[in-house]
Amino acid sequence: MSWDERGGGEISIPLAMTYTITGDSFGVHYDVDLSPLRHVLSCYGKSAPSLPRVGVEMELPDHWSELSWLGCGPHECYPDRMAGAPKRMWRSAVKDMQVKYIVPSECGGRASVRRVEIRSERTGTRIKCWPMASGEFELINASHYSQDALEEAKHWSEVSPSGSTHLFLDHRHMGVGGDDSWSPTVHKEYLVPPKAYSFGTWIKLSKHQPTTVT
């Protein structure tokens, strides 16, 4: 994998993916070394560069619109902002996950998630995901807006649904900070340093079986 540094050259990112297939599910394990990004990051914490997130994005048709998860909720919460978010089973429509702040940006995450399920309202099919070894996704998110659209817009009137559902399963996710309004305030323990990471996700597809009444 390579990273184009604003047209000034490429940075090589070593990435290895291992697939495991069982009778009813499959897993993908990632070994990735992100340390080459240390000198090009624009996202900084109090004392060190930080990646915004490390994880997997799944892009699905937009009829995958119903989400449930075992983790913190029901409202938006992040690794350093989840004290008021009880951990239990929660459900939400994907369209209700976003929090429309004045300026569009990353929003609507749910922290400390053991498993997540997304359902197609058209077919009833479900995709269940859970982490391979870490026990929890540090953050999950689902949106009908692409990250590029959110980053480029200055007002929500400039953002349109992408026609897809974007499901994020993050092994690590940077905190949001906010201790004060005049300095970078993400504490060191909530940063995501550019280094080697090893993580994986199990995925199971299950078809809805309608109930027969006799």
N, C-alpha and C. Protein backbone atom coordinates (compact mmCIF):
# COMPACT_ATOMS: atom_id res chain seq x y z
N MET A 1 0.85 -1.18 0.00
CA MET A 1 0.00 0.00 0.00
C MET A 1 0.89 1.23 0.00
N SER A 2 0.47 2.30 -0.71
CA SER A 2 1.29 3.51 -0.76
C SER A 2 0.45 4.73 -0.41
N TRP A 3 1.13 5.77 0.03
CA TRP A 3 0.49 7.02 0.44
C TRP A 3 1.14 8.13 -0.37
N ASP A 4 0.33 8.87 -1.12
CA ASP A 4 0.87 9.95 -1.94
C ASP A 4 0.85 11.23 -1.12
N GLU A 5 2.04 11.75 -0.80
CA GLU A 5 2.15 12.93 0.05
C GLU A 5 1.99 14.19 -0.79
N ARG A 6 0.72 14.52 -1.11
CA ARG A 6 0.37 15.72 -1.86
C ARG A 6 1.18 15.82 -3.16
N GLY A 7 1.36 14.70 -3.82
CA GLY A 7 2.05 14.72 -5.09
C GLY A 7 3.55 14.81 -4.97
N GLY A 8 4.09 14.89 -3.78
CA GLY A 8 5.52 15.06 -3.59
C GLY A 8 6.27 13.75 -3.48
N GLY A 9 5.63 12.64 -3.71
CA GLY A 9 6.28 11.34 -3.59
C GLY A 9 5.39 10.37 -2.85
N GLU A 10 5.77 9.12 -2.87
CA GLU A 10 4.98 8.10 -2.22
C GLU A 10 5.68 7.55 -0.99
N ILE A 11 4.87 7.21 0.02
CA ILE A 11 5.37 6.56 1.22
C ILE A 11 4.82 5.14 1.23
N SER A 12 5.69 4.16 1.36
CA SER A 12 5.26 2.77 1.36
C SER A 12 4.75 2.36 2.73
N ILE A 13 3.58 1.70 2.75
CA ILE A 13 2.98 1.22 3.99
C ILE A 13 2.87 -0.30 3.89
N PRO A 14 3.68 -1.04 4.64
CA PRO A 14 3.57 -2.51 4.60
C PRO A 14 2.23 -2.99 5.17
N LEU A 15 1.54 -3.83 4.41
CA LEU A 15 0.24 -4.34 4.83
C LEU A 15 0.11 -5.80 4.43
N ALA A 16 -0.24 -6.64 5.38
CA ALA A 16 -0.50 -8.06 5.09
C ALA A 16 -1.89 -8.40 5.60
N MET A 17 -2.68 -9.09 4.77
CA MET A 17 -4.03 -9.51 5.14
C MET A 17 -4.11 -11.02 5.09
N THR A 18 -4.68 -11.61 6.14
CA THR A 18 -4.85 -13.06 6.23
C THR A 18 -6.32 -13.37 6.35
N TYR A 19 -6.83 -14.24 5.47
CA TYR A 19 -8.25 -14.61 5.47
C TYR A 19 -8.44 -15.98 6.10
N THR A 20 -9.45 -16.08 6.97
CA THR A 20 -9.81 -17.35 7.59
C THR A 20 -11.27 -17.63 7.28
N ILE A 21 -11.56 -18.78 6.70
CA ILE A 21 -12.93 -19.13 6.31
C ILE A 21 -13.38 -20.33 7.12
N THR A 22 -14.53 -20.21 7.79
CA THR A 22 -15.11 -21.30 8.56
C THR A 22 -16.43 -21.70 7.90
N GLY A 23 -17.18 -22.58 8.57
CA GLY A 23 -18.43 -23.05 8.00
C GLY A 23 -19.49 -21.98 7.86
N ASP A 24 -19.50 -20.98 8.75
CA ASP A 24 -20.58 -19.98 8.71
C ASP A 24 -20.09 -18.54 8.79
N SER A 25 -18.78 -18.31 8.71
CA SER A 25 -18.27 -16.95 8.80
C SER A 25 -16.88 -16.90 8.18
N PHE A 26 -16.36 -15.68 8.06
CA PHE A 26 -14.98 -15.55 7.63
C PHE A 26 -14.34 -14.39 8.38
N GLY A 27 -13.03 -14.46 8.50
CA GLY A 27 -12.30 -13.45 9.23
C GLY A 27 -11.20 -12.86 8.37
N VAL A 28 -10.90 -11.58 8.62
CA VAL A 28 -9.79 -10.90 7.95
C VAL A 28 -8.89 -10.33 9.02
N HIS A 29 -7.61 -10.71 8.97
CA HIS A 29 -6.63 -10.22 9.93
C HIS A 29 -5.65 -9.30 9.20
N TYR A 30 -5.36 -8.15 9.82
CA TYR A 30 -4.50 -7.15 9.21
C TYR A 30 -3.24 -6.97 10.05
N ASP A 31 -2.10 -6.96 9.38
CA ASP A 31 -0.84 -6.54 9.98
C ASP A 31 -0.36 -5.36 9.15
N VAL A 32 -0.33 -4.18 9.76
CA VAL A 32 0.03 -2.97 9.01
C VAL A 32 1.00 -2.13 9.84
N ASP A 33 2.02 -1.62 9.19
CA ASP A 33 3.00 -0.77 9.85
C ASP A 33 2.81 0.66 9.35
N LEU A 34 2.29 1.52 10.22
CA LEU A 34 1.98 2.90 9.85
C LEU A 34 3.04 3.89 10.33
N SER A 35 4.15 3.39 10.82
CA SER A 35 5.20 4.29 11.32
C SER A 35 5.76 5.23 10.24
N PRO A 36 5.76 4.86 8.93
CA PRO A 36 6.24 5.82 7.92
C PRO A 36 5.43 7.11 7.85
N LEU A 37 4.22 7.11 8.42
CA LEU A 37 3.38 8.32 8.38
C LEU A 37 3.72 9.33 9.47
N ARG A 38 4.65 8.99 10.33
CA ARG A 38 4.94 9.84 11.50
C ARG A 38 5.25 11.28 11.11
N HIS A 39 5.93 11.48 10.00
CA HIS A 39 6.40 12.82 9.66
C HIS A 39 5.47 13.58 8.72
N VAL A 40 4.34 12.99 8.35
CA VAL A 40 3.44 13.68 7.43
C VAL A 40 2.06 13.91 8.03
N LEU A 41 1.86 13.52 9.28
CA LEU A 41 0.54 13.66 9.88
C LEU A 41 0.24 15.12 10.20
N SER A 42 -1.01 15.51 9.96
CA SER A 42 -1.45 16.86 10.30
C SER A 42 -2.34 16.86 11.54
N CYS A 43 -2.60 15.68 12.08
CA CYS A 43 -3.49 15.54 13.25
C CYS A 43 -2.63 15.33 14.48
N TYR A 44 -2.58 16.30 15.38
CA TYR A 44 -1.69 16.24 16.53
C TYR A 44 -2.46 16.25 17.84
N GLY A 45 -1.90 15.56 18.81
CA GLY A 45 -2.43 15.60 20.16
C GLY A 45 -1.60 16.56 20.99
N LYS A 46 -1.57 16.38 22.30
CA LYS A 46 -0.85 17.30 23.17
C LYS A 46 0.66 17.29 22.91
N SER A 47 1.21 16.10 22.67
CA SER A 47 2.67 16.00 22.61
C SER A 47 3.19 15.16 21.47
N ALA A 48 2.34 14.57 20.66
CA ALA A 48 2.82 13.65 19.64
C ALA A 48 1.84 13.58 18.48
N PRO A 49 2.32 13.21 17.28
CA PRO A 49 1.41 13.02 16.15
C PRO A 49 0.47 11.85 16.42
N SER A 50 -0.71 11.91 15.84
CA SER A 50 -1.69 10.85 16.04
C SER A 50 -2.45 10.59 14.75
N LEU A 51 -2.73 9.33 14.50
CA LEU A 51 -3.64 8.96 13.43
C LEU A 51 -5.07 9.20 13.90
N PRO A 52 -5.97 9.60 13.02
CA PRO A 52 -7.37 9.74 13.44
C PRO A 52 -8.00 8.40 13.82
N ARG A 53 -7.68 7.34 13.03
CA ARG A 53 -8.29 6.04 13.28
C ARG A 53 -7.46 4.96 12.60
N VAL A 54 -7.61 3.74 13.09
CA VAL A 54 -7.03 2.56 12.45
C VAL A 54 -8.13 1.50 12.46
N GLY A 55 -8.55 1.06 11.29
CA GLY A 55 -9.63 0.09 11.25
C GLY A 55 -10.06 -0.21 9.83
N VAL A 56 -11.32 -0.61 9.70
CA VAL A 56 -11.86 -1.09 8.43
C VAL A 56 -13.12 -0.30 8.10
N GLU A 57 -13.28 0.05 6.83
CA GLU A 57 -14.53 0.63 6.35
C GLU A 57 -15.18 -0.34 5.38
N MET A 58 -16.45 -0.63 5.60
CA MET A 58 -17.25 -1.43 4.67
C MET A 58 -18.25 -0.51 4.00
N GLU A 59 -18.31 -0.54 2.67
CA GLU A 59 -19.28 0.26 1.93
C GLU A 59 -20.36 -0.66 1.37
N LEU A 60 -21.60 -0.42 1.78
CA LEU A 60 -22.74 -1.25 1.44
C LEU A 60 -23.80 -0.41 0.74
N PRO A 61 -24.73 -1.03 0.00
CA PRO A 61 -25.87 -0.27 -0.54
C PRO A 61 -26.65 0.39 0.59
N ASP A 62 -27.33 1.50 0.28
CA ASP A 62 -27.95 2.29 1.35
C ASP A 62 -29.16 1.64 2.00
N HIS A 63 -29.65 0.50 1.44
CA HIS A 63 -30.75 -0.17 2.13
C HIS A 63 -30.27 -0.96 3.36
N TRP A 64 -28.96 -1.04 3.56
CA TRP A 64 -28.43 -1.54 4.84
C TRP A 64 -28.51 -0.37 5.81
N SER A 65 -29.61 -0.28 6.51
CA SER A 65 -29.96 0.97 7.20
C SER A 65 -30.35 0.81 8.67
N GLU A 66 -30.24 -0.41 9.20
CA GLU A 66 -30.62 -0.63 10.59
C GLU A 66 -29.43 -1.22 11.35
N LEU A 67 -29.03 -0.57 12.43
CA LEU A 67 -27.82 -0.94 13.16
C LEU A 67 -28.15 -1.34 14.59
N SER A 68 -27.48 -2.36 15.08
CA SER A 68 -27.55 -2.71 16.50
C SER A 68 -26.14 -3.04 16.96
N TRP A 69 -25.85 -2.77 18.23
CA TRP A 69 -24.51 -3.01 18.74
C TRP A 69 -24.53 -3.27 20.25
N LEU A 70 -23.56 -4.03 20.71
CA LEU A 70 -23.34 -4.25 22.13
C LEU A 70 -22.15 -3.41 22.53
N GLY A 71 -22.43 -2.31 23.18
CA GLY A 71 -21.38 -1.38 23.54
C GLY A 71 -21.97 -0.14 24.17
N CYS A 72 -21.22 0.95 24.15
CA CYS A 72 -21.68 2.19 24.77
C CYS A 72 -22.69 2.89 23.87
N GLY A 73 -23.64 3.55 24.49
CA GLY A 73 -24.69 4.25 23.76
C GLY A 73 -25.72 4.81 24.75
N PRO A 74 -26.89 5.19 24.29
CA PRO A 74 -27.35 5.13 22.90
C PRO A 74 -26.85 6.28 22.04
N HIS A 75 -26.32 7.33 22.69
CA HIS A 75 -25.93 8.55 21.98
C HIS A 75 -24.47 8.48 21.54
N GLU A 76 -24.04 9.48 20.80
CA GLU A 76 -22.66 9.58 20.36
C GLU A 76 -21.70 9.54 21.55
N CYS A 77 -20.61 8.78 21.40
CA CYS A 77 -19.58 8.74 22.43
C CYS A 77 -18.27 8.30 21.80
N TYR A 78 -17.17 8.78 22.38
CA TYR A 78 -15.84 8.50 21.85
C TYR A 78 -14.95 7.99 22.98
N PRO A 79 -13.76 7.45 22.68
CA PRO A 79 -12.95 6.83 23.73
C PRO A 79 -12.71 7.70 24.95
N ASP A 80 -12.61 9.02 24.78
CA ASP A 80 -12.41 9.90 25.93
C ASP A 80 -13.69 10.65 26.31
N ARG A 81 -14.82 10.22 25.78
CA ARG A 81 -16.09 10.87 26.09
C ARG A 81 -17.19 9.80 26.14
N MET A 82 -17.09 8.88 27.13
CA MET A 82 -18.10 7.81 27.18
C MET A 82 -18.55 7.49 28.60
N ALA A 83 -18.21 8.35 29.55
CA ALA A 83 -18.58 8.07 30.95
C ALA A 83 -20.10 8.03 31.13
N GLY A 84 -20.84 8.80 30.33
CA GLY A 84 -22.29 8.83 30.46
C GLY A 84 -23.01 7.95 29.47
N ALA A 85 -22.28 6.96 28.90
CA ALA A 85 -22.88 6.10 27.89
C ALA A 85 -22.87 4.65 28.38
N PRO A 86 -23.97 4.15 28.94
CA PRO A 86 -24.01 2.78 29.46
C PRO A 86 -23.71 1.75 28.38
N LYS A 87 -23.12 0.64 28.78
CA LYS A 87 -22.78 -0.43 27.85
C LYS A 87 -23.87 -1.50 27.90
N ARG A 88 -24.58 -1.66 26.79
CA ARG A 88 -25.64 -2.67 26.66
C ARG A 88 -25.98 -2.82 25.17
N MET A 89 -27.02 -3.55 24.84
CA MET A 89 -27.46 -3.64 23.45
C MET A 89 -28.25 -2.38 23.09
N TRP A 90 -27.92 -1.81 21.94
CA TRP A 90 -28.60 -0.61 21.45
C TRP A 90 -28.98 -0.81 19.99
N ARG A 91 -29.97 -0.05 19.54
CA ARG A 91 -30.39 -0.09 18.14
C ARG A 91 -30.59 1.33 17.63
N SER A 92 -30.33 1.52 16.34
CA SER A 92 -30.56 2.84 15.74
C SER A 92 -30.68 2.69 14.24
N ALA A 93 -31.46 3.54 13.63
CA ALA A 93 -31.42 3.67 12.17
C ALA A 93 -30.12 4.38 11.82
N VAL A 94 -29.51 4.00 10.73
CA VAL A 94 -28.25 4.64 10.33
C VAL A 94 -28.44 6.14 10.16
N LYS A 95 -29.57 6.56 9.63
CA LYS A 95 -29.80 7.99 9.41
C LYS A 95 -29.84 8.79 10.70
N ASP A 96 -30.06 8.10 11.84
CA ASP A 96 -30.13 8.80 13.12
C ASP A 96 -28.81 8.78 13.88
N MET A 97 -27.76 8.21 13.30
CA MET A 97 -26.48 8.11 14.00
C MET A 97 -25.72 9.44 14.02
N GLN A 98 -25.93 10.28 12.99
CA GLN A 98 -25.16 11.52 12.88
C GLN A 98 -25.61 12.58 13.88
N VAL A 99 -24.65 13.39 14.31
CA VAL A 99 -24.93 14.59 15.09
C VAL A 99 -24.53 15.77 14.22
N LYS A 100 -25.48 16.58 13.83
CA LYS A 100 -25.18 17.64 12.85
C LYS A 100 -24.67 18.89 13.55
N TYR A 101 -23.36 18.87 13.80
CA TYR A 101 -22.69 20.05 14.33
C TYR A 101 -22.70 21.15 13.27
N ILE A 102 -22.35 22.38 13.68
CA ILE A 102 -22.43 23.51 12.75
C ILE A 102 -21.62 23.26 11.49
N VAL A 103 -20.38 22.75 11.68
CA VAL A 103 -19.53 22.40 10.55
C VAL A 103 -19.52 20.88 10.41
N PRO A 104 -19.85 20.33 9.25
CA PRO A 104 -19.83 18.87 9.08
C PRO A 104 -18.46 18.29 9.38
N SER A 105 -18.44 17.16 10.06
CA SER A 105 -17.19 16.50 10.41
C SER A 105 -17.50 15.08 10.88
N GLU A 106 -16.46 14.35 11.22
CA GLU A 106 -16.62 13.05 11.86
C GLU A 106 -17.57 13.19 13.04
N CYS A 107 -18.58 12.33 13.12
CA CYS A 107 -19.54 12.40 14.21
C CYS A 107 -20.30 11.10 14.28
N GLY A 108 -20.98 10.88 15.40
CA GLY A 108 -21.89 9.74 15.52
C GLY A 108 -21.26 8.44 15.92
N GLY A 109 -20.01 8.45 16.39
CA GLY A 109 -19.36 7.21 16.80
C GLY A 109 -19.97 6.62 18.06
N ARG A 110 -19.79 5.31 18.23
CA ARG A 110 -20.19 4.61 19.45
C ARG A 110 -18.97 3.80 19.91
N ALA A 111 -18.60 3.98 21.17
CA ALA A 111 -17.33 3.45 21.67
C ALA A 111 -17.48 2.10 22.37
N SER A 112 -16.34 1.41 22.45
CA SER A 112 -16.20 0.19 23.27
C SER A 112 -17.26 -0.85 22.90
N VAL A 113 -17.24 -1.29 21.64
CA VAL A 113 -18.29 -2.16 21.08
C VAL A 113 -17.77 -3.59 20.93
N ARG A 114 -18.47 -4.53 21.53
CA ARG A 114 -18.08 -5.95 21.45
C ARG A 114 -18.54 -6.60 20.16
N ARG A 115 -19.70 -6.22 19.68
CA ARG A 115 -20.17 -6.75 18.40
C ARG A 115 -21.18 -5.77 17.81
N VAL A 116 -21.31 -5.85 16.49
CA VAL A 116 -22.21 -4.95 15.78
C VAL A 116 -22.91 -5.73 14.68
N GLU A 117 -24.16 -5.36 14.42
CA GLU A 117 -24.94 -6.01 13.37
C GLU A 117 -25.63 -4.94 12.55
N ILE A 118 -25.55 -5.08 11.23
CA ILE A 118 -26.25 -4.17 10.34
C ILE A 118 -27.21 -4.98 9.49
N ARG A 119 -28.41 -4.45 9.28
CA ARG A 119 -29.49 -5.19 8.63
C ARG A 119 -29.99 -4.44 7.41
N SER A 120 -30.28 -5.20 6.37
CA SER A 120 -30.90 -4.63 5.17
C SER A 120 -32.41 -4.57 5.36
N GLU A 121 -32.97 -3.37 5.24
CA GLU A 121 -34.43 -3.24 5.36
C GLU A 121 -35.14 -3.83 4.14
N ARG A 122 -34.41 -4.04 3.05
CA ARG A 122 -35.00 -4.56 1.82
C ARG A 122 -35.11 -6.09 1.84
N THR A 123 -34.05 -6.75 2.31
CA THR A 123 -34.02 -8.22 2.24
C THR A 123 -34.08 -8.90 3.60
N GLY A 124 -33.85 -8.13 4.67
CA GLY A 124 -33.80 -8.73 6.00
C GLY A 124 -32.48 -9.40 6.32
N THR A 125 -31.56 -9.42 5.37
CA THR A 125 -30.25 -10.03 5.59
C THR A 125 -29.46 -9.23 6.61
N ARG A 126 -28.67 -9.93 7.41
CA ARG A 126 -27.88 -9.28 8.46
C ARG A 126 -26.40 -9.59 8.28
N ILE A 127 -25.56 -8.61 8.58
CA ILE A 127 -24.11 -8.81 8.66
C ILE A 127 -23.70 -8.57 10.10
N LYS A 128 -23.12 -9.60 10.71
CA LYS A 128 -22.65 -9.48 12.09
C LYS A 128 -21.12 -9.40 12.08
N CYS A 129 -20.57 -8.50 12.88
CA CYS A 129 -19.12 -8.31 12.95
C CYS A 129 -18.67 -8.26 14.41
N TRP A 130 -17.54 -8.88 14.68
CA TRP A 130 -16.95 -8.80 16.01
C TRP A 130 -15.43 -8.91 15.87
N PRO A 131 -14.68 -8.32 16.79
CA PRO A 131 -13.22 -8.33 16.67
C PRO A 131 -12.63 -9.71 16.91
N MET A 132 -11.51 -9.99 16.27
CA MET A 132 -10.89 -11.30 16.38
C MET A 132 -10.31 -11.57 17.76
N ALA A 133 -9.49 -10.64 18.27
CA ALA A 133 -8.75 -10.94 19.49
C ALA A 133 -8.83 -9.84 20.55
N SER A 134 -9.07 -8.60 20.14
CA SER A 134 -8.97 -7.49 21.07
C SER A 134 -10.14 -7.42 22.06
N GLY A 135 -11.24 -8.11 21.76
CA GLY A 135 -12.39 -8.08 22.66
C GLY A 135 -13.41 -7.02 22.30
N GLU A 136 -12.95 -5.87 21.80
CA GLU A 136 -13.86 -4.77 21.48
C GLU A 136 -13.31 -3.97 20.30
N PHE A 137 -14.21 -3.42 19.50
CA PHE A 137 -13.85 -2.34 18.61
C PHE A 137 -13.78 -1.08 19.48
N GLU A 138 -12.72 -0.31 19.34
CA GLU A 138 -12.65 0.91 20.13
C GLU A 138 -13.75 1.88 19.74
N LEU A 139 -14.16 1.83 18.45
CA LEU A 139 -15.24 2.68 17.98
C LEU A 139 -15.89 2.05 16.75
N ILE A 140 -17.21 2.19 16.64
CA ILE A 140 -17.90 1.85 15.40
C ILE A 140 -18.72 3.05 14.97
N ASN A 141 -19.04 3.09 13.69
CA ASN A 141 -19.84 4.19 13.17
C ASN A 141 -20.53 3.72 11.90
N ALA A 142 -21.65 4.31 11.58
CA ALA A 142 -22.35 4.03 10.34
C ALA A 142 -22.98 5.32 9.84
N SER A 143 -22.88 5.54 8.53
CA SER A 143 -23.33 6.81 7.98
C SER A 143 -23.73 6.63 6.52
N HIS A 144 -24.67 7.45 6.07
CA HIS A 144 -25.00 7.50 4.65
C HIS A 144 -24.18 8.58 3.94
N TYR A 145 -23.26 9.23 4.67
CA TYR A 145 -22.38 10.24 4.09
C TYR A 145 -20.96 9.71 4.03
N SER A 146 -20.25 9.99 2.95
CA SER A 146 -18.86 9.58 2.85
C SER A 146 -17.97 10.51 3.67
N GLN A 147 -16.81 10.01 4.09
CA GLN A 147 -15.87 10.84 4.84
C GLN A 147 -15.37 12.00 3.98
N ASP A 148 -15.15 11.77 2.69
CA ASP A 148 -14.68 12.84 1.81
C ASP A 148 -15.70 13.98 1.75
N ALA A 149 -16.98 13.63 1.67
CA ALA A 149 -18.01 14.67 1.59
C ALA A 149 -18.06 15.49 2.88
N LEU A 150 -17.91 14.82 4.02
CA LEU A 150 -17.95 15.53 5.30
C LEU A 150 -16.74 16.46 5.45
N GLU A 151 -15.58 16.00 4.98
CA GLU A 151 -14.36 16.80 5.13
C GLU A 151 -14.36 18.02 4.21
N GLU A 152 -14.99 17.90 3.05
CA GLU A 152 -14.95 18.98 2.07
C GLU A 152 -16.00 20.06 2.32
N ALA A 153 -17.08 19.73 3.03
CA ALA A 153 -18.20 20.67 3.21
C ALA A 153 -17.97 21.62 4.38
N LYS A 154 -18.50 22.81 4.27
CA LYS A 154 -18.48 23.78 5.36
C LYS A 154 -19.86 23.93 6.00
N HIS A 155 -20.90 23.47 5.32
CA HIS A 155 -22.26 23.53 5.83
C HIS A 155 -22.98 22.24 5.44
N TRP A 156 -23.96 21.84 6.26
CA TRP A 156 -24.67 20.60 5.98
C TRP A 156 -25.47 20.67 4.68
N SER A 157 -25.82 21.87 4.26
CA SER A 157 -26.55 22.01 2.99
C SER A 157 -25.69 21.60 1.80
N GLU A 158 -24.37 21.49 2.01
CA GLU A 158 -23.45 21.10 0.94
C GLU A 158 -23.19 19.59 0.92
N VAL A 159 -23.77 18.86 1.86
CA VAL A 159 -23.52 17.42 1.98
C VAL A 159 -24.75 16.65 1.50
N SER A 160 -24.54 15.71 0.61
CA SER A 160 -25.62 14.85 0.13
C SER A 160 -25.29 13.40 0.45
N PRO A 161 -26.30 12.57 0.72
CA PRO A 161 -26.05 11.14 0.92
C PRO A 161 -25.30 10.55 -0.27
N SER A 162 -24.42 9.62 0.00
CA SER A 162 -23.56 9.05 -1.04
C SER A 162 -24.25 7.96 -1.86
N GLY A 163 -25.43 7.50 -1.38
CA GLY A 163 -26.07 6.35 -2.02
C GLY A 163 -25.60 5.03 -1.45
N SER A 164 -24.75 5.11 -0.42
CA SER A 164 -24.21 3.91 0.23
C SER A 164 -24.37 4.03 1.74
N THR A 165 -24.12 2.93 2.42
CA THR A 165 -23.97 2.94 3.87
C THR A 165 -22.51 2.65 4.17
N HIS A 166 -21.87 3.53 4.92
CA HIS A 166 -20.46 3.39 5.27
C HIS A 166 -20.38 2.90 6.72
N LEU A 167 -19.90 1.69 6.90
CA LEU A 167 -19.78 1.09 8.23
C LEU A 167 -18.31 1.05 8.61
N PHE A 168 -17.97 1.68 9.74
CA PHE A 168 -16.60 1.74 10.22
C PHE A 168 -16.43 0.85 11.44
N LEU A 169 -15.41 0.01 11.41
CA LEU A 169 -15.06 -0.86 12.53
C LEU A 169 -13.63 -0.52 12.92
N ASP A 170 -13.47 0.31 13.94
CA ASP A 170 -12.16 0.86 14.28
C ASP A 170 -11.50 0.10 15.42
N HIS A 171 -10.32 -0.42 15.13
CA HIS A 171 -9.49 -1.04 16.16
C HIS A 171 -8.99 0.03 17.14
N ARG A 172 -8.60 1.18 16.60
CA ARG A 172 -8.20 2.32 17.42
C ARG A 172 -8.83 3.57 16.83
N HIS A 173 -9.18 4.51 17.71
CA HIS A 173 -9.74 5.78 17.27
C HIS A 173 -9.29 6.88 18.23
N MET A 174 -8.82 7.96 17.68
CA MET A 174 -8.34 9.09 18.48
C MET A 174 -9.48 9.72 19.27
N GLY A 175 -9.19 10.18 20.48
CA GLY A 175 -10.18 10.90 21.27
C GLY A 175 -10.49 12.26 20.67
N VAL A 176 -11.50 12.92 21.20
CA VAL A 176 -11.91 14.22 20.66
C VAL A 176 -11.34 15.39 21.46
N GLY A 177 -10.83 15.15 22.67
CA GLY A 177 -10.30 16.26 23.47
C GLY A 177 -11.41 17.18 23.94
N GLY A 178 -11.08 18.45 24.09
CA GLY A 178 -12.09 19.42 24.49
C GLY A 178 -11.99 19.88 25.93
N ASP A 179 -10.82 19.66 26.57
CA ASP A 179 -10.66 20.14 27.95
C ASP A 179 -10.73 21.66 28.03
N ASP A 180 -10.22 22.31 27.01
CA ASP A 180 -10.31 23.77 26.93
C ASP A 180 -10.44 24.15 25.47
N SER A 181 -10.51 25.45 25.18
CA SER A 181 -10.78 25.89 23.81
C SER A 181 -9.59 26.57 23.15
N TRP A 182 -8.41 26.52 23.79
CA TRP A 182 -7.30 27.29 23.23
C TRP A 182 -6.03 26.47 22.98
N SER A 183 -6.08 25.16 23.18
CA SER A 183 -4.89 24.35 22.93
C SER A 183 -5.29 22.93 22.56
N PRO A 184 -4.40 22.19 21.88
CA PRO A 184 -4.70 20.77 21.61
C PRO A 184 -4.83 20.01 22.92
N THR A 185 -5.91 19.28 23.09
CA THR A 185 -6.18 18.73 24.42
C THR A 185 -6.46 17.24 24.44
N VAL A 186 -6.12 16.51 23.38
CA VAL A 186 -6.31 15.07 23.43
C VAL A 186 -5.19 14.47 24.26
N HIS A 187 -5.54 13.81 25.35
CA HIS A 187 -4.53 13.26 26.24
C HIS A 187 -3.80 12.08 25.59
N LYS A 188 -2.58 11.85 26.05
CA LYS A 188 -1.70 10.88 25.41
C LYS A 188 -2.33 9.50 25.30
N GLU A 189 -3.06 9.08 26.33
CA GLU A 189 -3.63 7.73 26.32
C GLU A 189 -4.75 7.58 25.29
N TYR A 190 -5.22 8.70 24.72
CA TYR A 190 -6.28 8.63 23.71
C TYR A 190 -5.77 8.97 22.31
N LEU A 191 -4.46 9.03 22.14
CA LEU A 191 -3.87 9.22 20.83
C LEU A 191 -3.69 7.86 20.14
N VAL A 192 -3.52 7.90 18.84
CA VAL A 192 -3.29 6.68 18.05
C VAL A 192 -1.95 6.85 17.35
N PRO A 193 -0.86 6.45 17.97
CA PRO A 193 0.46 6.70 17.40
C PRO A 193 0.68 5.95 16.09
N PRO A 194 1.43 6.55 15.18
CA PRO A 194 1.75 5.87 13.92
C PRO A 194 2.80 4.79 14.16
N LYS A 195 2.35 3.56 14.26
CA LYS A 195 3.24 2.42 14.54
C LYS A 195 2.63 1.18 13.91
N ALA A 196 3.17 0.03 14.21
CA ALA A 196 2.62 -1.23 13.68
C ALA A 196 1.39 -1.65 14.48
N TYR A 197 0.36 -2.12 13.75
CA TYR A 197 -0.87 -2.60 14.38
C TYR A 197 -1.21 -3.98 13.82
N SER A 198 -1.81 -4.78 14.67
CA SER A 198 -2.26 -6.11 14.28
C SER A 198 -3.67 -6.29 14.83
N PHE A 199 -4.64 -6.50 13.96
CA PHE A 199 -6.03 -6.60 14.40
C PHE A 199 -6.83 -7.36 13.34
N GLY A 200 -8.02 -7.77 13.69
CA GLY A 200 -8.84 -8.51 12.75
C GLY A 200 -10.31 -8.45 13.08
N THR A 201 -11.12 -8.86 12.12
CA THR A 201 -12.57 -8.81 12.24
C THR A 201 -13.19 -10.10 11.72
N TRP A 202 -14.11 -10.65 12.50
CA TRP A 202 -14.94 -11.76 12.04
C TRP A 202 -16.21 -11.19 11.43
N ILE A 203 -16.67 -11.80 10.34
CA ILE A 203 -17.86 -11.34 9.64
C ILE A 203 -18.75 -12.53 9.34
N LYS A 204 -20.03 -12.40 9.66
CA LYS A 204 -20.98 -13.47 9.41
C LYS A 204 -22.21 -12.90 8.73
N LEU A 205 -22.60 -13.50 7.62
CA LEU A 205 -23.80 -13.10 6.89
C LEU A 205 -24.91 -14.08 7.19
N SER A 206 -26.07 -13.56 7.59
CA SER A 206 -27.20 -14.45 7.89
C SER A 206 -28.45 -13.94 7.19
N LYS A 207 -29.13 -14.84 6.54
CA LYS A 207 -30.35 -14.50 5.81
C LYS A 207 -31.53 -14.57 6.75
N HIS A 208 -32.40 -13.58 6.69
CA HIS A 208 -33.61 -13.57 7.51
C HIS A 208 -34.52 -14.72 7.12
N GLN A 209 -34.96 -15.46 8.12
CA GLN A 209 -35.89 -16.56 7.90
C GLN A 209 -37.26 -16.16 8.42
N PRO A 210 -38.22 -15.92 7.54
CA PRO A 210 -39.55 -15.51 8.01
C PRO A 210 -40.21 -16.57 8.87
N THR A 211 -40.93 -16.12 9.86
CA THR A 211 -41.64 -17.04 10.77
C THR A 211 -42.90 -17.56 10.09
N THR A 212 -43.11 -18.87 10.15
CA THR A 212 -44.32 -19.48 9.60
C THR A 212 -45.29 -19.81 10.71
N VAL A 213 -46.50 -19.29 10.60
CA VAL A 213 -47.53 -19.55 11.61
C VAL A 213 -48.46 -20.62 11.08
N THR A 214 -48.64 -21.71 11.86
CA THR A 214 -49.51 -22.80 11.43
C THR A 214 -50.64 -23.00 12.43
